[in-house]
Protein backbone atom coordinates (compact mmCIF):
# COMPACT_ATOMS: atom_id res chain seq x y z
CA UNK A 1 70.78 82.43 82.40
CA UNK A 2 69.14 85.63 83.35
CA UNK A 3 67.50 83.77 86.53
CA UNK A 4 71.39 82.97 87.70
CA UNK A 5 72.44 86.82 88.16
CA UNK A 6 70.16 88.00 90.62
CA UNK A 7 70.62 84.80 92.76
CA UNK A 8 74.07 85.05 92.28
CA UNK A 9 74.28 88.68 94.14
CA UNK A 10 71.59 87.35 96.51
CA UNK A 11 74.50 84.97 97.48
CA UNK A 12 76.59 87.75 99.06
CA UNK A 13 74.05 88.74 101.25
CA UNK A 14 73.27 85.51 103.73
CA UNK A 15 75.37 87.29 106.40
CA UNK A 16 75.13 88.71 109.73
CA UNK A 17 75.80 92.06 109.68
CA UNK A 18 79.57 92.35 110.33
CA UNK A 19 79.76 95.86 111.31
CA UNK A 20 80.14 95.46 115.04
CA UNK A 21 81.45 91.61 114.80
CA UNK A 22 84.71 90.78 116.88
CA UNK A 23 85.32 87.39 115.26
CA UNK A 24 89.32 86.91 114.67
CA UNK A 25 90.34 87.30 110.89
CA UNK A 26 91.27 83.64 110.74
CA UNK A 27 87.73 83.03 110.34
CA UNK A 28 87.61 85.19 106.82
CA UNK A 29 91.26 84.42 105.67
CA UNK A 30 93.82 81.91 106.01
CA UNK A 31 97.44 83.11 105.76
CA UNK A 32 100.63 80.69 104.59
CA UNK A 33 104.25 81.36 103.89
CA UNK A 34 106.24 79.33 102.16
CA UNK A 35 110.03 79.83 101.03
CA UNK A 36 109.05 83.64 100.27
CA UNK A 37 104.95 83.43 98.77
CA UNK A 38 102.27 84.59 100.91
CA UNK A 39 99.49 82.90 100.38
CA UNK A 40 95.60 84.82 101.67
CA UNK A 41 93.16 82.21 101.04
CA UNK A 42 89.48 83.68 101.67
CA UNK A 43 87.55 81.16 103.23
CA UNK A 44 84.12 82.03 104.20
CA UNK A 45 82.55 80.16 102.18
CA UNK A 46 79.09 80.57 104.05
CA UNK A 47 79.00 84.07 102.58
CA UNK A 48 80.41 82.92 99.35
CA UNK A 49 83.69 84.86 99.91
CA UNK A 50 81.54 88.46 99.84
CA UNK A 51 83.39 91.60 100.66
CA UNK A 52 82.59 92.28 103.72
CA UNK A 53 83.93 94.79 105.83
CA UNK A 54 84.95 92.09 108.46
CA UNK A 55 86.82 90.19 105.38
CA UNK A 56 88.44 93.23 103.48
CA UNK A 57 90.00 93.98 107.20
CA UNK A 58 91.32 91.16 107.35
CA UNK A 59 92.52 90.58 103.67
CA UNK A 60 93.99 94.12 103.78
CA UNK A 61 95.77 93.38 107.67
CA UNK A 62 97.75 90.45 105.86
CA UNK A 63 98.15 92.04 102.82
CA UNK A 64 100.24 94.85 103.87
CA UNK A 65 101.78 92.85 106.54
CA UNK A 66 105.64 93.34 106.92
CA UNK A 67 106.18 94.83 102.68
CA UNK A 68 109.78 95.78 103.26
CA UNK A 69 110.45 92.08 105.12
CA UNK A 70 112.78 90.67 101.74
CA UNK A 71 112.08 87.31 102.86
CA UNK A 72 109.03 88.40 101.31
CA UNK A 73 109.07 87.97 97.49
CA UNK A 74 104.83 87.84 96.45
CA UNK A 75 101.69 87.53 97.04
CA UNK A 76 99.05 84.71 95.80
CA UNK A 77 95.30 85.52 96.56
CA UNK A 78 92.94 82.77 96.45
CA UNK A 79 90.04 81.42 97.79
CA UNK A 80 88.07 78.40 98.57
CA UNK A 81 85.09 76.97 97.16
CA UNK A 82 83.37 77.38 93.93
CA UNK A 83 82.75 81.16 94.30
CA UNK A 84 86.54 82.99 94.70
CA UNK A 85 83.94 85.98 95.73
CA UNK A 86 80.37 87.17 94.91
CA UNK A 87 81.12 90.56 95.94
CA UNK A 88 80.06 93.40 98.41
CA UNK A 89 78.15 92.31 101.36
CA UNK A 90 74.62 93.63 99.91
CA UNK A 91 73.25 93.28 103.24
CA UNK A 92 76.07 95.68 104.39
CA UNK A 93 74.94 98.41 101.62
CA UNK A 94 71.13 97.89 102.09
CA UNK A 95 71.94 99.63 105.68
CA UNK A 96 70.25 103.03 106.13
CA UNK A 97 74.09 104.51 107.14
CA UNK A 98 75.44 106.75 104.53
CA UNK A 99 78.83 107.29 106.62
CA UNK A 100 79.06 103.11 106.80
CA UNK A 101 78.27 102.97 102.98
CA UNK A 102 81.34 104.83 102.20
CA UNK A 103 83.79 103.27 104.56
CA UNK A 104 82.83 99.77 102.60
CA UNK A 105 83.63 101.29 99.20
CA UNK A 106 86.85 103.33 100.65
CA UNK A 107 87.98 99.93 102.06
CA UNK A 108 88.37 98.42 98.74
CA UNK A 109 90.02 101.37 97.04
CA UNK A 110 92.65 101.18 100.25
CA UNK A 111 93.31 97.56 99.66
CA UNK A 112 93.50 97.97 95.49
CA UNK A 113 95.47 100.99 95.92
CA UNK A 114 98.37 99.03 98.32
CA UNK A 115 98.36 96.44 96.04
CA UNK A 116 99.87 98.94 93.40
CA UNK A 117 101.79 100.24 96.36
CA UNK A 118 103.53 96.58 97.52
CA UNK A 119 107.10 96.33 96.80
CA UNK A 120 105.84 92.57 95.65
CA UNK A 121 104.00 91.24 92.92
CA UNK A 122 100.27 90.32 93.95
CA UNK A 123 99.20 87.23 91.98
CA UNK A 124 95.52 86.57 91.83
CA UNK A 125 94.92 82.31 91.33
CA UNK A 126 91.23 82.21 90.79
CA UNK A 127 89.08 78.82 90.37
CA UNK A 128 85.79 79.52 90.30
CA UNK A 129 83.23 82.43 90.12
CA UNK A 130 84.57 85.95 90.63
CA UNK A 131 81.87 88.66 90.62
CA UNK A 132 80.82 92.20 90.85
CA UNK A 133 83.90 93.83 93.53
CA UNK A 134 85.41 90.08 93.62
CA UNK A 135 86.26 90.85 89.59
CA UNK A 136 87.38 94.42 91.20
CA UNK A 137 89.88 92.51 93.46
CA UNK A 138 90.79 90.09 90.81
CA UNK A 139 91.44 92.61 87.78
CA UNK A 140 93.73 94.70 90.54
CA UNK A 141 96.36 92.30 91.08
CA UNK A 142 99.72 92.15 89.01
CA UNK A 143 99.33 88.71 87.76
CA UNK A 144 95.66 87.06 87.29
CA UNK A 145 95.69 83.34 86.54
CA UNK A 146 92.47 81.68 86.40
CA UNK A 147 90.93 77.67 85.95
CA UNK A 148 89.07 76.45 82.71
CA UNK A 149 86.50 76.33 85.71
CA UNK A 150 86.24 80.04 86.26
CA UNK A 151 84.04 82.81 84.84
CA UNK A 152 83.84 86.38 85.52
CA UNK A 153 81.13 88.80 86.21
CA UNK A 154 80.00 92.26 87.22
CA UNK A 155 76.10 91.76 87.60
CA UNK A 156 75.36 94.63 90.10
CA UNK A 157 72.42 96.35 87.71
CA UNK A 158 70.59 93.26 88.09
CA UNK A 159 69.57 94.60 91.52
CA UNK A 160 69.79 97.91 90.99
CA UNK A 161 73.83 98.69 92.11
CA UNK A 162 75.42 99.23 88.61
CA UNK A 163 79.14 98.19 89.27
CA UNK A 164 80.36 101.59 88.91
CA UNK A 165 83.89 100.80 90.82
CA UNK A 166 84.32 97.54 89.41
CA UNK A 167 84.04 98.74 85.91
CA UNK A 168 86.71 101.02 86.85
CA UNK A 169 89.32 98.00 87.14
CA UNK A 170 88.12 96.13 84.50
CA UNK A 171 87.96 98.90 81.87
CA UNK A 172 91.76 99.66 82.54
CA UNK A 173 92.69 96.42 81.60
CA UNK A 174 89.70 95.20 79.18
CA UNK A 175 88.90 96.24 76.03
CA UNK A 176 86.01 98.71 76.03
CA UNK A 177 83.32 97.15 74.17
CA UNK A 178 83.66 93.71 76.65
CA UNK A 179 84.01 95.84 79.55
CA UNK A 180 81.19 97.59 78.15
CA UNK A 181 79.06 94.06 77.70
CA UNK A 182 80.03 92.89 81.58
CA UNK A 183 79.19 95.83 83.07
CA UNK A 184 75.27 96.52 80.96
CA UNK A 185 74.34 93.10 80.79
CA UNK A 186 75.66 91.32 84.05
CA UNK A 187 75.90 88.14 82.01
CA UNK A 188 79.06 86.05 83.02
CA UNK A 189 82.19 85.56 81.15
CA UNK A 190 84.57 82.47 80.65
CA UNK A 191 87.88 82.72 81.70
CA UNK A 192 89.07 82.35 78.39
CA UNK A 193 86.80 85.13 76.93
CA UNK A 194 88.48 87.12 80.26
CA UNK A 195 91.79 86.17 78.59
CA UNK A 196 91.28 87.02 75.41
CA UNK A 197 89.90 90.59 76.56
CA UNK A 198 92.59 90.97 78.70
CA UNK A 199 90.84 90.68 81.87
CA UNK A 200 93.20 87.59 82.46
CA UNK A 201 96.91 86.82 82.42
CA UNK A 202 96.61 83.29 81.74
CA UNK A 203 93.98 80.27 81.47
CA UNK A 204 95.04 76.79 82.95
CA UNK A 205 93.27 73.36 83.68
CA UNK A 206 92.08 73.83 86.94
CA UNK A 207 94.81 70.46 87.45
CA UNK A 208 97.58 72.67 86.58
CA UNK A 209 96.41 75.85 88.59
CA UNK A 210 98.33 75.29 91.55
CA UNK A 211 101.74 74.19 88.99
CA UNK A 212 101.11 76.97 87.15
CA UNK A 213 101.23 79.12 90.14
CA UNK A 214 104.36 77.66 91.65
CA UNK A 215 105.97 78.58 88.12
CA UNK A 216 105.15 81.81 88.17
CA UNK A 217 106.43 82.14 92.05
CA UNK A 218 109.98 80.50 91.13
CA UNK A 219 110.60 83.18 88.77
CA UNK A 220 109.26 86.20 90.40
CA UNK A 221 111.73 84.42 93.25
CA UNK A 222 114.92 83.85 90.96
CA UNK A 223 115.15 87.74 90.39
CA UNK A 224 116.29 90.86 92.67
CA UNK A 225 113.31 91.86 95.02
CA UNK A 226 114.86 95.69 94.84
CA UNK A 227 114.36 95.32 90.98
CA UNK A 228 111.49 94.07 91.23
CA UNK A 229 110.04 96.51 93.20
CA UNK A 230 111.33 99.68 91.39
CA UNK A 231 110.07 98.24 88.44
CA UNK A 232 106.61 97.73 89.27
CA UNK A 233 106.60 101.21 91.09
CA UNK A 234 107.67 102.90 87.88
CA UNK A 235 104.95 100.64 86.03
CA UNK A 236 102.24 101.67 87.64
CA UNK A 237 103.25 105.66 87.70
CA UNK A 238 103.98 105.88 83.74
CA UNK A 239 100.36 104.36 82.53
CA UNK A 240 99.17 107.60 83.59
CA UNK A 241 102.03 109.67 81.75
CA UNK A 242 101.90 110.95 78.38
CA UNK A 243 104.33 108.93 75.99
CA UNK A 244 107.13 111.50 76.08
CA UNK A 245 107.12 112.06 79.42
CA UNK A 246 106.96 108.01 80.01
CA UNK A 247 109.63 107.51 78.18
CA UNK A 248 111.56 110.71 79.93
CA UNK A 249 110.88 109.00 83.39
CA UNK A 250 111.91 105.60 82.08
CA UNK A 251 115.37 106.72 81.26
CA UNK A 252 115.70 108.06 84.62
CA UNK A 253 114.32 105.03 86.02
CA UNK A 254 116.78 102.93 84.44
CA UNK A 255 119.54 105.01 85.34
CA UNK A 256 118.81 104.53 88.83
CA UNK A 257 118.50 101.03 88.26
CA UNK A 258 121.85 100.77 87.47
CA UNK A 259 122.92 102.18 90.66
CA UNK A 260 121.32 99.23 92.46
CA UNK A 261 123.82 96.79 94.21
CA UNK A 262 122.00 94.02 92.91
CA UNK A 263 122.01 95.28 89.26
CA UNK A 264 125.76 95.32 89.37
CA UNK A 265 125.48 91.71 90.74
CA UNK A 266 123.35 90.76 87.78
CA UNK A 267 125.63 92.31 85.19
CA UNK A 268 128.85 91.04 86.80
CA UNK A 269 127.38 87.48 86.86
CA UNK A 270 125.90 87.89 83.48
CA UNK A 271 129.88 88.62 82.45
CA UNK A 272 131.23 85.82 84.55
CA UNK A 273 128.68 83.11 83.45
CA UNK A 274 127.39 82.35 87.03
CA UNK A 275 124.34 82.87 88.81
CA UNK A 276 124.23 86.12 90.32
CA UNK A 277 123.83 86.19 94.10
CA UNK A 278 121.24 88.60 95.12
CA UNK A 279 121.18 91.01 98.08
CA UNK A 280 117.26 91.93 97.69
CA UNK A 281 117.92 95.46 99.15
CA UNK A 282 117.19 98.87 97.36
């Protein structure tokens, strides 16, 4: 097992230096839109879907595209191949260019912060290995659904790069002992272990993964986009507040929610025993 870990990290170095590449973003991600669901699929299997700058730029562009479009109801992040993402491209980090290295880390930070800012839920659909910054990206989504074939690891210390920024993500969703175990040993955990530790929302058989994602997206689409957007924004805001302040702000947010047209429609439809007709506008 230990021999496997350095090899895992080497997977994300098997690429050319993409800093000056002009390849179209379609080489790195595929995007489909179906009934309000935008699925962004990492598709650069030759680099094990490593998060090079080219990959991150392509992902970020499609992630934040038209956020105010009321037709957009949720976003699904998926990947082709057995490696969901091997993490950062280590060749980019090896280059003796501090400014560029900082750009790499800032780009993944920007992506993660924008996932929280997006007005719609972002779902991670994992069927394979998510390592290092790939695990960080998964952990930063609102909902994480993994197949029983998936694994998660933060093995950076094996090649001398402790997974500090991935540790920020997993340390906020997992128990301290389990996240510390991942960071300090580099050993992978199964999807079931990830579920027990809080990293994963749901674990399903590989054959049921697509059906489960469809079930979740249908549930989201049945709700008002405006209500979900308001709720998601406050959910992340209150996590950083003391309990008393969180409840005080939550009360104000409930009052704001009650003023939404869709909230009034929802309450009326409930009383009238009919399905609501959402406008999806704030």
